[in-house]
Amino acid sequence: ISEKSKLKSIGYRTFMGTGIKYFNSKNKLPNVTHVGVEAFRSCWNLKKVSLPKAEVYKSTFEDSRRLNTVDISGTKKVRAYTFRGCWGLENIKFGNKLTWIGTESFKDCKALKKITIPKNVEEIRYNAFMSDTNLKTVIINSKKLKAVRTDAFKNVNKDVVFKVPKSKLEQYKALIAPNAPEAARLVVV
């Protein structure tokens, strides 16, 4: 698929379970605005994807174990299970349109060490980053965060550090502490 392709939508389970590695030389589909449920689920050879305008849906990349780098900077919501079981995921690029991180969306992303939560995120859902055992740094740029749901950060690295806006330190401590390891620290960005 050419990077200059006019392709706008990738449907339900389009590449699920295939050996797909590349779309084009940059693995970039700049015109795609919709990626359907399970579209790339269990694509074990896929390592890098750039969908900068796309809205991604439930389980889009679930169990794509070698997936390492993703640009979904145009998405408004990371829906349930989107990256669950992506063991190799290290680099994810969100944009400021992102408002919501869904249930188990990053569960079992064992290689994820650092995540930056953009400025418009209002909610982090249940078990969102659960069992991301190497997650050591969570930078929260949002001043709009209203909810961090049950076990959102359960079983992440026990020494995880949350970097939060100074004006939100106490409020975010109350949101995050019950849903993160006991030794987790909150510091000002």
N, C-alpha and C. Protein backbone atom coordinates (compact mmCIF):
# COMPACT_ATOMS: atom_id res chain seq x y z
N ILE A 1 0.87 -1.17 0.00
CA ILE A 1 0.00 0.00 0.00
C ILE A 1 0.91 1.22 0.00
N SER A 2 0.79 2.03 -0.96
CA SER A 2 1.64 3.21 -1.08
C SER A 2 1.35 4.21 0.04
N GLU A 3 2.41 4.89 0.45
CA GLU A 3 2.26 5.96 1.43
C GLU A 3 1.38 7.08 0.88
N LYS A 4 1.29 7.17 -0.45
CA LYS A 4 0.47 8.19 -1.10
C LYS A 4 -0.94 7.68 -1.40
N SER A 5 -1.23 6.50 -0.95
CA SER A 5 -2.54 5.89 -1.18
C SER A 5 -3.66 6.76 -0.63
N LYS A 6 -4.81 6.69 -1.27
CA LYS A 6 -5.98 7.44 -0.79
C LYS A 6 -6.82 6.60 0.17
N LEU A 7 -6.28 5.48 0.59
CA LEU A 7 -6.97 4.60 1.52
C LEU A 7 -7.34 5.36 2.79
N LYS A 8 -8.63 5.33 3.16
CA LYS A 8 -9.12 6.07 4.33
C LYS A 8 -9.50 5.15 5.49
N SER A 9 -9.83 3.89 5.19
CA SER A 9 -10.36 3.01 6.23
C SER A 9 -9.78 1.61 6.12
N ILE A 10 -9.44 1.04 7.27
CA ILE A 10 -9.03 -0.37 7.35
C ILE A 10 -10.08 -1.04 8.21
N GLY A 11 -10.75 -2.02 7.67
CA GLY A 11 -11.91 -2.61 8.32
C GLY A 11 -11.62 -3.68 9.35
N TYR A 12 -12.68 -4.18 9.91
CA TYR A 12 -12.72 -5.22 10.93
C TYR A 12 -11.87 -6.43 10.51
N ARG A 13 -10.88 -6.76 11.33
CA ARG A 13 -10.03 -7.94 11.16
C ARG A 13 -9.31 -8.02 9.81
N THR A 14 -9.06 -6.92 9.17
CA THR A 14 -8.45 -6.91 7.83
C THR A 14 -7.14 -7.70 7.78
N PHE A 15 -6.22 -7.45 8.68
CA PHE A 15 -4.92 -8.11 8.66
C PHE A 15 -4.75 -9.08 9.82
N MET A 16 -5.78 -9.37 10.57
CA MET A 16 -5.69 -10.20 11.77
C MET A 16 -5.02 -11.54 11.48
N GLY A 17 -4.00 -11.84 12.30
CA GLY A 17 -3.33 -13.13 12.21
C GLY A 17 -2.46 -13.33 10.98
N THR A 18 -2.24 -12.29 10.22
CA THR A 18 -1.40 -12.42 9.02
C THR A 18 0.06 -12.17 9.37
N GLY A 19 0.93 -12.49 8.46
CA GLY A 19 2.37 -12.26 8.65
C GLY A 19 2.81 -10.91 8.15
N ILE A 20 1.87 -9.97 8.02
CA ILE A 20 2.21 -8.65 7.48
C ILE A 20 3.35 -8.01 8.28
N LYS A 21 4.31 -7.45 7.54
CA LYS A 21 5.43 -6.73 8.14
C LYS A 21 5.41 -5.26 7.74
N TYR A 22 5.07 -5.00 6.48
CA TYR A 22 5.19 -3.65 5.93
C TYR A 22 3.99 -3.27 5.09
N PHE A 23 3.66 -1.97 5.12
CA PHE A 23 2.69 -1.41 4.17
C PHE A 23 3.48 -0.77 3.04
N ASN A 24 4.53 -0.05 3.45
CA ASN A 24 5.41 0.65 2.53
C ASN A 24 6.72 0.87 3.27
N SER A 25 7.66 1.60 2.70
CA SER A 25 8.99 1.72 3.30
C SER A 25 9.01 2.33 4.70
N LYS A 26 8.04 3.17 5.01
CA LYS A 26 7.99 3.80 6.34
C LYS A 26 6.90 3.21 7.23
N ASN A 27 6.18 2.22 6.71
CA ASN A 27 5.04 1.64 7.43
C ASN A 27 4.10 2.74 7.92
N LYS A 28 3.85 3.68 7.02
CA LYS A 28 3.04 4.85 7.34
C LYS A 28 1.85 4.92 6.39
N LEU A 29 0.67 5.10 6.97
CA LEU A 29 -0.54 5.30 6.19
C LEU A 29 -1.14 6.64 6.62
N PRO A 30 -0.66 7.74 6.05
CA PRO A 30 -1.02 9.07 6.52
C PRO A 30 -2.46 9.50 6.25
N ASN A 31 -3.16 8.83 5.35
CA ASN A 31 -4.53 9.25 5.02
C ASN A 31 -5.61 8.41 5.68
N VAL A 32 -5.22 7.34 6.36
CA VAL A 32 -6.19 6.47 7.02
C VAL A 32 -6.77 7.20 8.23
N THR A 33 -8.11 7.25 8.29
CA THR A 33 -8.78 7.92 9.41
C THR A 33 -9.56 6.95 10.30
N HIS A 34 -9.69 5.70 9.89
CA HIS A 34 -10.44 4.70 10.66
C HIS A 34 -9.73 3.35 10.58
N VAL A 35 -9.47 2.76 11.75
CA VAL A 35 -8.90 1.42 11.80
C VAL A 35 -9.83 0.58 12.66
N GLY A 36 -10.45 -0.42 12.06
CA GLY A 36 -11.50 -1.21 12.70
C GLY A 36 -11.04 -2.15 13.79
N VAL A 37 -12.02 -2.70 14.49
CA VAL A 37 -11.81 -3.65 15.58
C VAL A 37 -10.94 -4.81 15.07
N GLU A 38 -9.91 -5.12 15.84
CA GLU A 38 -9.00 -6.24 15.60
C GLU A 38 -8.30 -6.20 14.23
N ALA A 39 -8.20 -5.06 13.63
CA ALA A 39 -7.63 -4.94 12.28
C ALA A 39 -6.22 -5.52 12.17
N PHE A 40 -5.40 -5.33 13.20
CA PHE A 40 -4.02 -5.83 13.19
C PHE A 40 -3.78 -6.80 14.34
N ARG A 41 -4.81 -7.38 14.88
CA ARG A 41 -4.65 -8.29 16.02
C ARG A 41 -3.81 -9.50 15.62
N SER A 42 -2.86 -9.84 16.48
CA SER A 42 -1.99 -11.01 16.29
C SER A 42 -1.17 -10.94 15.01
N CYS A 43 -0.76 -9.75 14.62
CA CYS A 43 0.18 -9.60 13.50
C CYS A 43 1.58 -9.63 14.09
N TRP A 44 2.11 -10.81 14.28
CA TRP A 44 3.33 -11.01 15.04
C TRP A 44 4.59 -10.51 14.37
N ASN A 45 4.55 -10.21 13.10
CA ASN A 45 5.74 -9.70 12.41
C ASN A 45 5.76 -8.18 12.32
N LEU A 46 4.67 -7.55 12.62
CA LEU A 46 4.55 -6.10 12.52
C LEU A 46 5.34 -5.43 13.64
N LYS A 47 6.28 -4.53 13.29
CA LYS A 47 7.13 -3.90 14.30
C LYS A 47 6.87 -2.40 14.46
N LYS A 48 6.43 -1.75 13.39
CA LYS A 48 6.28 -0.29 13.43
C LYS A 48 5.07 0.09 12.60
N VAL A 49 4.25 1.02 13.13
CA VAL A 49 3.07 1.49 12.41
C VAL A 49 2.90 2.99 12.66
N SER A 50 2.61 3.72 11.59
CA SER A 50 2.32 5.14 11.72
C SER A 50 0.96 5.41 11.07
N LEU A 51 0.00 5.78 11.91
CA LEU A 51 -1.37 6.11 11.48
C LEU A 51 -1.73 7.45 12.11
N PRO A 52 -1.09 8.53 11.69
CA PRO A 52 -1.19 9.82 12.39
C PRO A 52 -2.56 10.50 12.37
N LYS A 53 -3.48 10.06 11.49
CA LYS A 53 -4.81 10.67 11.45
C LYS A 53 -5.90 9.70 11.88
N ALA A 54 -5.53 8.50 12.20
CA ALA A 54 -6.51 7.43 12.41
C ALA A 54 -7.12 7.41 13.80
N GLU A 55 -8.39 7.07 13.83
CA GLU A 55 -9.09 6.71 15.06
C GLU A 55 -9.01 5.18 15.11
N VAL A 56 -8.44 4.65 16.21
CA VAL A 56 -8.28 3.20 16.33
C VAL A 56 -9.34 2.65 17.29
N TYR A 57 -9.75 1.42 17.01
CA TYR A 57 -10.85 0.82 17.77
C TYR A 57 -10.40 -0.39 18.59
N LYS A 58 -11.33 -0.98 19.29
CA LYS A 58 -11.09 -2.05 20.25
C LYS A 58 -10.21 -3.16 19.66
N SER A 59 -9.20 -3.54 20.44
CA SER A 59 -8.30 -4.65 20.13
C SER A 59 -7.54 -4.48 18.82
N THR A 60 -7.36 -3.27 18.33
CA THR A 60 -6.73 -3.03 17.03
C THR A 60 -5.41 -3.76 16.87
N PHE A 61 -4.52 -3.67 17.85
CA PHE A 61 -3.20 -4.29 17.75
C PHE A 61 -2.99 -5.40 18.77
N GLU A 62 -4.01 -5.81 19.46
CA GLU A 62 -3.90 -6.79 20.53
C GLU A 62 -3.08 -8.01 20.09
N ASP A 63 -2.16 -8.42 20.98
CA ASP A 63 -1.30 -9.60 20.77
C ASP A 63 -0.37 -9.51 19.57
N SER A 64 -0.09 -8.32 19.08
CA SER A 64 0.94 -8.15 18.05
C SER A 64 2.26 -7.99 18.80
N ARG A 65 2.83 -9.09 19.14
CA ARG A 65 3.89 -9.17 20.15
C ARG A 65 5.20 -8.49 19.79
N ARG A 66 5.50 -8.34 18.51
CA ARG A 66 6.75 -7.70 18.11
C ARG A 66 6.57 -6.20 17.84
N LEU A 67 5.35 -5.73 17.89
CA LEU A 67 5.08 -4.31 17.63
C LEU A 67 5.86 -3.48 18.63
N ASN A 68 6.67 -2.56 18.12
CA ASN A 68 7.59 -1.78 18.96
C ASN A 68 7.24 -0.30 18.98
N THR A 69 6.88 0.27 17.83
CA THR A 69 6.70 1.71 17.71
C THR A 69 5.39 2.02 16.98
N VAL A 70 4.58 2.92 17.59
CA VAL A 70 3.28 3.25 17.02
C VAL A 70 3.04 4.75 17.12
N ASP A 71 2.53 5.31 16.03
CA ASP A 71 2.08 6.71 16.02
C ASP A 71 0.58 6.68 15.77
N ILE A 72 -0.18 7.02 16.80
CA ILE A 72 -1.64 7.17 16.66
C ILE A 72 -2.00 8.56 17.19
N SER A 73 -1.24 9.54 16.74
CA SER A 73 -1.37 10.89 17.26
C SER A 73 -2.69 11.57 16.93
N GLY A 74 -3.50 10.98 16.06
CA GLY A 74 -4.79 11.58 15.72
C GLY A 74 -5.97 10.99 16.47
N THR A 75 -5.75 9.93 17.23
CA THR A 75 -6.87 9.26 17.88
C THR A 75 -7.38 10.02 19.10
N LYS A 76 -8.67 9.96 19.34
CA LYS A 76 -9.29 10.63 20.49
C LYS A 76 -9.43 9.71 21.68
N LYS A 77 -9.49 8.40 21.42
CA LYS A 77 -9.63 7.42 22.50
C LYS A 77 -8.78 6.20 22.17
N VAL A 78 -8.06 5.72 23.18
CA VAL A 78 -7.42 4.41 23.06
C VAL A 78 -8.41 3.46 23.71
N ARG A 79 -9.10 2.71 22.88
CA ARG A 79 -10.19 1.87 23.37
C ARG A 79 -9.70 0.58 24.04
N ALA A 80 -10.62 -0.15 24.62
CA ALA A 80 -10.31 -1.37 25.36
C ALA A 80 -9.45 -2.33 24.53
N TYR A 81 -8.43 -2.86 25.19
CA TYR A 81 -7.57 -3.93 24.66
C TYR A 81 -6.74 -3.53 23.43
N THR A 82 -6.69 -2.28 23.07
CA THR A 82 -6.02 -1.86 21.84
C THR A 82 -4.62 -2.43 21.71
N PHE A 83 -3.80 -2.37 22.76
CA PHE A 83 -2.42 -2.85 22.71
C PHE A 83 -2.18 -4.00 23.69
N ARG A 84 -3.21 -4.58 24.24
CA ARG A 84 -3.03 -5.65 25.24
C ARG A 84 -2.20 -6.78 24.63
N GLY A 85 -1.18 -7.20 25.38
CA GLY A 85 -0.34 -8.30 24.94
C GLY A 85 0.70 -7.93 23.90
N CYS A 86 0.92 -6.64 23.67
CA CYS A 86 1.98 -6.19 22.75
C CYS A 86 3.28 -6.13 23.55
N TRP A 87 3.89 -7.27 23.75
CA TRP A 87 5.06 -7.41 24.62
C TRP A 87 6.22 -6.52 24.23
N GLY A 88 6.40 -6.24 22.94
CA GLY A 88 7.55 -5.47 22.48
C GLY A 88 7.33 -3.97 22.41
N LEU A 89 6.13 -3.50 22.74
CA LEU A 89 5.81 -2.08 22.59
C LEU A 89 6.65 -1.21 23.52
N GLU A 90 7.43 -0.31 22.93
CA GLU A 90 8.29 0.60 23.70
C GLU A 90 7.95 2.06 23.44
N ASN A 91 7.54 2.38 22.23
CA ASN A 91 7.35 3.77 21.83
C ASN A 91 5.95 3.98 21.29
N ILE A 92 5.22 4.90 21.92
CA ILE A 92 3.88 5.22 21.45
C ILE A 92 3.73 6.73 21.40
N LYS A 93 3.23 7.21 20.28
CA LYS A 93 3.04 8.66 20.12
C LYS A 93 1.54 8.96 20.09
N PHE A 94 1.11 9.73 21.09
CA PHE A 94 -0.26 10.21 21.16
C PHE A 94 -0.25 11.68 20.74
N GLY A 95 -1.41 12.19 20.42
CA GLY A 95 -1.56 13.62 20.17
C GLY A 95 -2.43 14.23 21.25
N ASN A 96 -2.60 15.53 21.17
CA ASN A 96 -3.39 16.23 22.19
C ASN A 96 -4.90 16.08 22.01
N LYS A 97 -5.32 15.33 20.98
CA LYS A 97 -6.75 15.04 20.83
C LYS A 97 -7.18 13.93 21.79
N LEU A 98 -6.23 13.17 22.30
CA LEU A 98 -6.54 12.03 23.16
C LEU A 98 -7.20 12.48 24.46
N THR A 99 -8.37 11.89 24.78
CA THR A 99 -9.11 12.24 25.99
C THR A 99 -9.32 11.06 26.93
N TRP A 100 -9.05 9.85 26.47
CA TRP A 100 -9.47 8.67 27.22
C TRP A 100 -8.57 7.49 26.90
N ILE A 101 -8.17 6.75 27.94
CA ILE A 101 -7.38 5.53 27.78
C ILE A 101 -8.20 4.38 28.33
N GLY A 102 -8.54 3.42 27.49
CA GLY A 102 -9.52 2.39 27.81
C GLY A 102 -9.05 1.22 28.65
N THR A 103 -10.01 0.42 29.05
CA THR A 103 -9.80 -0.76 29.88
C THR A 103 -8.80 -1.72 29.23
N GLU A 104 -7.79 -2.09 30.01
CA GLU A 104 -6.75 -3.04 29.60
C GLU A 104 -6.10 -2.69 28.27
N SER A 105 -6.12 -1.42 27.91
CA SER A 105 -5.59 -1.02 26.60
C SER A 105 -4.09 -1.26 26.45
N PHE A 106 -3.34 -1.24 27.55
CA PHE A 106 -1.90 -1.50 27.51
C PHE A 106 -1.49 -2.64 28.44
N LYS A 107 -2.42 -3.49 28.82
CA LYS A 107 -2.12 -4.59 29.74
C LYS A 107 -1.09 -5.53 29.10
N ASP A 108 -0.11 -5.93 29.92
CA ASP A 108 0.94 -6.87 29.51
C ASP A 108 1.85 -6.33 28.40
N CYS A 109 2.07 -5.04 28.38
CA CYS A 109 3.06 -4.45 27.47
C CYS A 109 4.38 -4.44 28.23
N LYS A 110 5.07 -5.56 28.24
CA LYS A 110 6.23 -5.80 29.10
C LYS A 110 7.43 -4.90 28.79
N ALA A 111 7.57 -4.42 27.57
CA ALA A 111 8.72 -3.59 27.20
C ALA A 111 8.50 -2.10 27.47
N LEU A 112 7.27 -1.72 27.75
CA LEU A 112 6.94 -0.30 27.95
C LEU A 112 7.59 0.21 29.24
N LYS A 113 8.48 1.19 29.12
CA LYS A 113 9.20 1.73 30.27
C LYS A 113 8.71 3.12 30.66
N LYS A 114 8.19 3.84 29.66
CA LYS A 114 7.79 5.24 29.89
C LYS A 114 6.57 5.54 29.04
N ILE A 115 5.64 6.30 29.60
CA ILE A 115 4.46 6.72 28.85
C ILE A 115 4.17 8.18 29.19
N THR A 116 3.77 8.94 28.19
CA THR A 116 3.38 10.33 28.40
C THR A 116 1.89 10.46 28.09
N ILE A 117 1.15 10.91 29.09
CA ILE A 117 -0.29 11.11 28.98
C ILE A 117 -0.52 12.55 28.53
N PRO A 118 -1.12 12.76 27.35
CA PRO A 118 -1.29 14.12 26.81
C PRO A 118 -2.22 15.02 27.64
N LYS A 119 -2.21 16.28 27.29
CA LYS A 119 -2.85 17.33 28.09
C LYS A 119 -4.37 17.29 28.17
N ASN A 120 -5.05 16.56 27.31
CA ASN A 120 -6.51 16.54 27.34
C ASN A 120 -7.14 15.25 27.87
N VAL A 121 -6.31 14.35 28.39
CA VAL A 121 -6.83 13.08 28.91
C VAL A 121 -7.62 13.33 30.19
N GLU A 122 -8.85 12.81 30.21
CA GLU A 122 -9.75 12.98 31.36
C GLU A 122 -9.93 11.71 32.17
N GLU A 123 -9.67 10.55 31.55
CA GLU A 123 -9.90 9.29 32.26
C GLU A 123 -8.93 8.21 31.81
N ILE A 124 -8.45 7.44 32.79
CA ILE A 124 -7.66 6.24 32.55
C ILE A 124 -8.48 5.09 33.14
N ARG A 125 -8.90 4.16 32.29
CA ARG A 125 -9.86 3.12 32.68
C ARG A 125 -9.21 1.94 33.42
N TYR A 126 -10.03 1.01 33.80
CA TYR A 126 -9.67 -0.17 34.58
C TYR A 126 -8.53 -0.95 33.93
N ASN A 127 -7.52 -1.28 34.77
CA ASN A 127 -6.40 -2.14 34.36
C ASN A 127 -5.67 -1.64 33.10
N ALA A 128 -5.74 -0.36 32.81
CA ALA A 128 -5.18 0.18 31.56
C ALA A 128 -3.71 -0.20 31.34
N PHE A 129 -2.89 -0.11 32.38
CA PHE A 129 -1.47 -0.42 32.25
C PHE A 129 -1.07 -1.62 33.13
N MET A 130 -2.02 -2.42 33.49
CA MET A 130 -1.81 -3.56 34.39
C MET A 130 -0.74 -4.51 33.85
N SER A 131 0.16 -4.92 34.74
CA SER A 131 1.22 -5.90 34.45
C SER A 131 2.24 -5.40 33.43
N ASP A 132 2.39 -4.10 33.30
CA ASP A 132 3.48 -3.52 32.51
C ASP A 132 4.67 -3.42 33.45
N THR A 133 5.31 -4.56 33.69
CA THR A 133 6.29 -4.72 34.76
C THR A 133 7.52 -3.83 34.64
N ASN A 134 7.80 -3.29 33.48
CA ASN A 134 8.95 -2.40 33.31
C ASN A 134 8.57 -0.93 33.25
N LEU A 135 7.29 -0.62 33.41
CA LEU A 135 6.85 0.77 33.36
C LEU A 135 7.36 1.50 34.61
N LYS A 136 8.30 2.42 34.39
CA LYS A 136 8.96 3.12 35.50
C LYS A 136 8.63 4.61 35.55
N THR A 137 8.17 5.18 34.42
CA THR A 137 7.90 6.60 34.37
C THR A 137 6.58 6.87 33.66
N VAL A 138 5.70 7.60 34.34
CA VAL A 138 4.42 8.01 33.76
C VAL A 138 4.36 9.53 33.87
N ILE A 139 4.42 10.21 32.73
CA ILE A 139 4.36 11.67 32.71
C ILE A 139 2.92 12.05 32.37
N ILE A 140 2.29 12.76 33.28
CA ILE A 140 0.91 13.17 33.06
C ILE A 140 0.90 14.68 32.80
N ASN A 141 0.69 15.04 31.54
CA ASN A 141 0.64 16.46 31.16
C ASN A 141 -0.75 17.04 31.31
N SER A 142 -1.73 16.18 31.48
CA SER A 142 -3.12 16.62 31.59
C SER A 142 -3.41 17.29 32.93
N LYS A 143 -4.15 18.38 32.87
CA LYS A 143 -4.69 19.01 34.08
C LYS A 143 -6.18 18.76 34.17
N LYS A 144 -6.67 17.87 33.28
CA LYS A 144 -8.11 17.58 33.19
C LYS A 144 -8.46 16.18 33.72
N LEU A 145 -7.48 15.45 34.19
CA LEU A 145 -7.71 14.07 34.63
C LEU A 145 -8.69 14.04 35.79
N LYS A 146 -9.81 13.34 35.58
CA LYS A 146 -10.86 13.27 36.60
C LYS A 146 -10.98 11.89 37.21
N ALA A 147 -10.50 10.85 36.50
CA ALA A 147 -10.67 9.49 36.99
C ALA A 147 -9.51 8.60 36.57
N VAL A 148 -9.01 7.85 37.55
CA VAL A 148 -8.07 6.77 37.32
C VAL A 148 -8.75 5.56 37.94
N ARG A 149 -9.21 4.66 37.10
CA ARG A 149 -10.06 3.56 37.54
C ARG A 149 -9.26 2.42 38.20
N THR A 150 -9.99 1.53 38.83
CA THR A 150 -9.44 0.43 39.62
C THR A 150 -8.31 -0.28 38.89
N ASP A 151 -7.19 -0.43 39.61
CA ASP A 151 -6.01 -1.17 39.16
C ASP A 151 -5.42 -0.69 37.84
N ALA A 152 -5.61 0.55 37.51
CA ALA A 152 -5.08 1.09 36.25
C ALA A 152 -3.57 0.87 36.13
N PHE A 153 -2.85 0.92 37.26
CA PHE A 153 -1.40 0.74 37.26
C PHE A 153 -0.97 -0.43 38.14
N LYS A 154 -1.82 -1.44 38.26
CA LYS A 154 -1.51 -2.61 39.09
C LYS A 154 -0.39 -3.43 38.43
N ASN A 155 0.55 -3.84 39.25
CA ASN A 155 1.67 -4.68 38.82
C ASN A 155 2.59 -4.03 37.79
N VAL A 156 2.67 -2.69 37.81
CA VAL A 156 3.73 -2.04 37.03
C VAL A 156 4.98 -2.08 37.90
N ASN A 157 6.07 -1.53 37.43
CA ASN A 157 7.30 -1.51 38.22
C ASN A 157 7.01 -0.93 39.60
N LYS A 158 7.47 -1.60 40.64
CA LYS A 158 7.13 -1.17 42.01
C LYS A 158 7.68 0.21 42.36
N ASP A 159 8.69 0.67 41.63
CA ASP A 159 9.28 1.98 41.89
C ASP A 159 8.84 3.03 40.88
N VAL A 160 7.71 2.84 40.28
CA VAL A 160 7.21 3.76 39.26
C VAL A 160 7.11 5.19 39.80
N VAL A 161 7.44 6.14 38.94
CA VAL A 161 7.36 7.56 39.29
C VAL A 161 6.34 8.21 38.36
N PHE A 162 5.40 8.92 38.95
CA PHE A 162 4.40 9.68 38.21
C PHE A 162 4.80 11.14 38.26
N LYS A 163 4.98 11.75 37.10
CA LYS A 163 5.33 13.17 37.02
C LYS A 163 4.05 13.90 36.64
N VAL A 164 3.63 14.80 37.52
CA VAL A 164 2.32 15.45 37.36
C VAL A 164 2.46 16.97 37.46
N PRO A 165 1.48 17.72 36.94
CA PRO A 165 1.51 19.18 37.07
C PRO A 165 1.45 19.59 38.54
N LYS A 166 2.21 20.59 38.90
CA LYS A 166 2.29 21.06 40.28
C LYS A 166 0.92 21.37 40.86
N SER A 167 0.08 22.02 40.08
CA SER A 167 -1.25 22.42 40.57
C SER A 167 -2.18 21.25 40.84
N LYS A 168 -1.80 20.06 40.37
CA LYS A 168 -2.66 18.87 40.50
C LYS A 168 -2.06 17.80 41.40
N LEU A 169 -0.95 18.08 42.04
CA LEU A 169 -0.23 17.07 42.82
C LEU A 169 -1.13 16.35 43.83
N GLU A 170 -1.81 17.06 44.68
CA GLU A 170 -2.63 16.44 45.73
C GLU A 170 -3.84 15.72 45.13
N GLN A 171 -4.49 16.35 44.18
CA GLN A 171 -5.65 15.74 43.53
C GLN A 171 -5.26 14.43 42.84
N TYR A 172 -4.16 14.45 42.11
CA TYR A 172 -3.74 13.26 41.37
C TYR A 172 -3.21 12.18 42.31
N LYS A 173 -2.64 12.59 43.41
CA LYS A 173 -2.20 11.60 44.40
C LYS A 173 -3.39 10.78 44.88
N ALA A 174 -4.50 11.44 45.13
CA ALA A 174 -5.72 10.75 45.57
C ALA A 174 -6.28 9.83 44.48
N LEU A 175 -6.12 10.21 43.21
CA LEU A 175 -6.61 9.39 42.11
C LEU A 175 -5.70 8.19 41.83
N ILE A 176 -4.41 8.41 41.89
CA ILE A 176 -3.45 7.40 41.45
C ILE A 176 -3.07 6.41 42.55
N ALA A 177 -2.83 6.89 43.76
CA ALA A 177 -2.33 6.03 44.84
C ALA A 177 -3.10 4.73 45.04
N PRO A 178 -4.43 4.73 45.04
CA PRO A 178 -5.14 3.46 45.26
C PRO A 178 -5.03 2.48 44.08
N ASN A 179 -4.52 2.94 42.96
CA ASN A 179 -4.49 2.13 41.74
C ASN A 179 -3.10 1.88 41.20
N ALA A 180 -2.09 2.04 42.07
CA ALA A 180 -0.69 1.88 41.69
C ALA A 180 0.04 1.16 42.81
N PRO A 181 1.29 0.71 42.57
CA PRO A 181 2.05 0.03 43.61
C PRO A 181 2.24 0.93 44.84
N GLU A 182 2.36 0.32 45.97
CA GLU A 182 2.48 1.05 47.24
C GLU A 182 3.67 2.00 47.26
N ALA A 183 4.78 1.60 46.63
CA ALA A 183 6.00 2.42 46.63
C ALA A 183 6.00 3.50 45.55
N ALA A 184 4.96 3.59 44.76
CA ALA A 184 4.90 4.60 43.69
C ALA A 184 5.07 6.00 44.26
N ARG A 185 5.75 6.85 43.50
CA ARG A 185 5.97 8.23 43.92
C ARG A 185 5.35 9.19 42.91
N LEU A 186 4.83 10.29 43.44
CA LEU A 186 4.35 11.38 42.58
C LEU A 186 5.27 12.56 42.78
N VAL A 187 5.75 13.10 41.66
CA VAL A 187 6.61 14.27 41.71
C VAL A 187 6.09 15.30 40.71
N VAL A 188 6.50 16.53 40.90
CA VAL A 188 6.06 17.61 40.01
C VAL A 188 6.88 17.58 38.72
N VAL A 189 6.19 17.77 37.58
CA VAL A 189 6.86 17.79 36.26
C VAL A 189 7.85 18.93 36.23
